[in-house]
Each structure stands twice: as structure tokens, then as C-alpha cells.
Amino acid sequence: MRKHIVAGNWKMNNDLAQTQALITDLKRQSKTSDAEVMIAPSFTNLWHAFEALREADLEVVAQNMHFAENGAYTGEVSPSMLQSIGVSTVI
């Protein structure tokens, strides 16, 4: 059987206050299916989202990741950078 996933990609929306408000609302919702629920906030809010949802049944995922571990890749994010803040999944 296939795994069901519901993922919300927030794209380039929501500043920190809006992210916190949306996460508060999401945490209040009751889960009505066995689907895995993921959210993908903008990069600047990943850490805050991860911390806010550490004990929740929602997974915080990244929108993007560069393949290199480091280097002169302006604006990119490496796998180890994401792992260092607890993010292990990328859209």
C-alpha cells in the first residue's frame, strides 16, 4: 500500500510572526487520517518551525537543497546544514 503524504509548501510566504501563528493553528487541528503531514516553510523559518513542532505530529521539511556539502554557492543550503537543525526531508 502506498504511503499518503500531505505537504504544504509555503514557498516565499510568511514572515516569522506569520509562521508562528500558522503553526499554532496547525497544532490545534486534529488529525483525521493516517496521512503523513509535512510543512515546508521558507528557509529563514525552518529552525523556528522545527523547534515549535518538535513534539507535534507534523514534519518540517525543506523546500530546496544543493547537492554540494560546501562551496561558493551563494544562497544555497547543504544537506549537513539542514541536518544540523533537525530537517531530514526535502521537497
C-alpha atoms as a PDB file:
ATOM      1  CA  MET A   1       0.000   0.000   0.000  1.00  0.00           C
ATOM      2  CA  ARG A   2       1.229   3.463  -0.853  1.00  0.00           C
ATOM      3  CA  LYS A   3       2.063   5.940   1.876  1.00  0.00           C
ATOM      4  CA  HIS A   4      -0.175   9.001   1.875  1.00  0.00           C
ATOM      5  CA  ILE A   5       1.506  12.368   2.354  1.00  0.00           C
ATOM      6  CA  VAL A   6       0.002  15.826   2.670  1.00  0.00           C
ATOM      7  CA  ALA A   7       2.664  18.513   2.262  1.00  0.00           C
ATOM      8  CA  GLY A   8       2.240  22.250   2.396  1.00  0.00           C
ATOM      9  CA  ASN A   9       4.937  24.168   0.529  1.00  0.00           C
ATOM     10  CA  TRP A  10       4.789  27.717   1.841  1.00  0.00           C
ATOM     11  CA  LYS A  11       7.048  28.983  -0.960  1.00  0.00           C
ATOM     12  CA  MET A  12       8.210  32.551  -0.254  1.00  0.00           C
ATOM     13  CA  ASN A  13       5.314  33.377   2.071  1.00  0.00           C
ATOM     14  CA  ASN A  14       5.035  34.137   5.783  1.00  0.00           C
ATOM     15  CA  ASP A  15       7.478  36.064   7.911  1.00  0.00           C
ATOM     16  CA  LEU A  16       8.407  34.737  11.350  1.00  0.00           C
ATOM     17  CA  ALA A  17       5.297  36.045  13.120  1.00  0.00           C
ATOM     18  CA  GLN A  18       3.011  34.657  10.401  1.00  0.00           C
ATOM     19  CA  THR A  19       4.854  31.327  10.518  1.00  0.00           C
ATOM     20  CA  GLN A  20       4.423  31.118  14.280  1.00  0.00           C
ATOM     21  CA  ALA A  21       0.705  31.944  14.003  1.00  0.00           C
ATOM     22  CA  LEU A  22       0.134  29.354  11.289  1.00  0.00           C
ATOM     23  CA  ILE A  23       1.997  26.680  13.250  1.00  0.00           C
ATOM     24  CA  THR A  24      -0.100  27.482  16.327  1.00  0.00           C
ATOM     25  CA  ASP A  25      -3.243  26.997  14.233  1.00  0.00           C
ATOM     26  CA  LEU A  26      -1.935  23.756  12.705  1.00  0.00           C
ATOM     27  CA  LYS A  27      -1.108  22.323  16.122  1.00  0.00           C
ATOM     28  CA  ARG A  28      -4.729  22.888  17.188  1.00  0.00           C
ATOM     29  CA  GLN A  29      -6.080  20.845  14.287  1.00  0.00           C
ATOM     30  CA  SER A  30      -6.922  17.234  14.937  1.00  0.00           C
ATOM     31  CA  LYS A  31      -5.515  14.714  12.512  1.00  0.00           C
ATOM     32  CA  THR A  32      -8.318  12.802  10.809  1.00  0.00           C
ATOM     33  CA  SER A  33      -6.364  10.442   8.590  1.00  0.00           C
ATOM     34  CA  ASP A  34      -3.265   8.297   8.628  1.00  0.00           C
ATOM     35  CA  ALA A  35      -1.541  10.537   6.078  1.00  0.00           C
ATOM     36  CA  GLU A  36       1.866  11.910   6.991  1.00  0.00           C
ATOM     37  CA  VAL A  37       1.623  15.705   7.256  1.00  0.00           C
ATOM     38  CA  MET A  38       4.576  17.897   6.298  1.00  0.00           C
ATOM     39  CA  ILE A  39       5.130  21.637   6.101  1.00  0.00           C
ATOM     40  CA  ALA A  40       7.850  23.403   4.124  1.00  0.00           C
ATOM     41  CA  PRO A  41       8.281  26.957   5.413  1.00  0.00           C
ATOM     42  CA  SER A  42      10.771  29.344   3.874  1.00  0.00           C
ATOM     43  CA  PHE A  43      14.398  28.698   4.782  1.00  0.00           C
ATOM     44  CA  THR A  44      14.598  31.579   7.259  1.00  0.00           C
ATOM     45  CA  ASN A  45      11.817  29.991   9.323  1.00  0.00           C
ATOM     46  CA  LEU A  46      12.886  26.331   9.223  1.00  0.00           C
ATOM     47  CA  TRP A  47      14.600  26.308  12.620  1.00  0.00           C
ATOM     48  CA  HIS A  48      11.725  28.095  14.342  1.00  0.00           C
ATOM     49  CA  ALA A  49       9.194  25.738  12.752  1.00  0.00           C
ATOM     50  CA  PHE A  50      11.224  22.679  13.705  1.00  0.00           C
ATOM     51  CA  GLU A  51      11.509  23.840  17.316  1.00  0.00           C
ATOM     52  CA  ALA A  52       7.796  24.682  17.538  1.00  0.00           C
ATOM     53  CA  LEU A  53       6.792  21.287  16.137  1.00  0.00           C
ATOM     54  CA  ARG A  54       9.392  19.119  17.870  1.00  0.00           C
ATOM     55  CA  GLU A  55       6.698  17.249  19.850  1.00  0.00           C
ATOM     56  CA  ALA A  56       3.930  17.507  17.231  1.00  0.00           C
ATOM     57  CA  ASP A  57       2.773  15.028  14.619  1.00  0.00           C
ATOM     58  CA  LEU A  58       3.871  17.352  11.795  1.00  0.00           C
ATOM     59  CA  GLU A  59       7.185  17.082   9.961  1.00  0.00           C
ATOM     60  CA  VAL A  60       9.120  20.181   8.967  1.00  0.00           C
ATOM     61  CA  VAL A  61      10.803  19.745   5.586  1.00  0.00           C
ATOM     62  CA  ALA A  62      12.966  21.979   3.424  1.00  0.00           C
ATOM     63  CA  GLN A  63      11.903  23.375   0.070  1.00  0.00           C
ATOM     64  CA  ASN A  64      15.322  23.095  -1.535  1.00  0.00           C
ATOM     65  CA  MET A  65      18.836  21.737  -1.033  1.00  0.00           C
ATOM     66  CA  HIS A  66      22.067  21.955  -3.006  1.00  0.00           C
ATOM     67  CA  PHE A  67      23.951  18.730  -3.703  1.00  0.00           C
ATOM     68  CA  ALA A  68      27.339  20.035  -2.522  1.00  0.00           C
ATOM     69  CA  GLU A  69      28.360  19.931   1.135  1.00  0.00           C
ATOM     70  CA  ASN A  70      30.004  23.355   0.926  1.00  0.00           C
ATOM     71  CA  GLY A  71      31.481  25.814  -1.527  1.00  0.00           C
ATOM     72  CA  ALA A  72      30.840  29.079  -3.298  1.00  0.00           C
ATOM     73  CA  TYR A  73      27.123  28.504  -3.911  1.00  0.00           C
ATOM     74  CA  THR A  74      25.505  31.788  -2.941  1.00  0.00           C
ATOM     75  CA  GLY A  75      22.143  31.358  -1.253  1.00  0.00           C
ATOM     76  CA  GLU A  76      22.216  27.572  -1.321  1.00  0.00           C
ATOM     77  CA  VAL A  77      21.743  25.178   1.591  1.00  0.00           C
ATOM     78  CA  SER A  78      23.686  21.937   2.044  1.00  0.00           C
ATOM     79  CA  PRO A  79      22.435  18.600   3.388  1.00  0.00           C
ATOM     80  CA  SER A  80      24.534  18.957   6.542  1.00  0.00           C
ATOM     81  CA  MET A  81      23.160  22.444   7.196  1.00  0.00           C
ATOM     82  CA  LEU A  82      19.624  21.061   7.128  1.00  0.00           C
ATOM     83  CA  GLN A  83      20.525  18.058   9.254  1.00  0.00           C
ATOM     84  CA  SER A  84      22.154  20.332  11.833  1.00  0.00           C
ATOM     85  CA  ILE A  85      18.754  21.901  12.569  1.00  0.00           C
ATOM     86  CA  GLY A  86      16.832  18.624  12.519  1.00  0.00           C
ATOM     87  CA  VAL A  87      15.482  18.710   8.977  1.00  0.00           C
ATOM     88  CA  SER A  88      15.898  15.399   7.159  1.00  0.00           C
ATOM     89  CA  THR A  89      13.462  15.687   4.245  1.00  0.00           C
ATOM     90  CA  VAL A  90      13.476  17.977   1.213  1.00  0.00           C
ATOM     91  CA  ILE A  91      10.754  18.531  -1.341  1.00  0.00           C
END
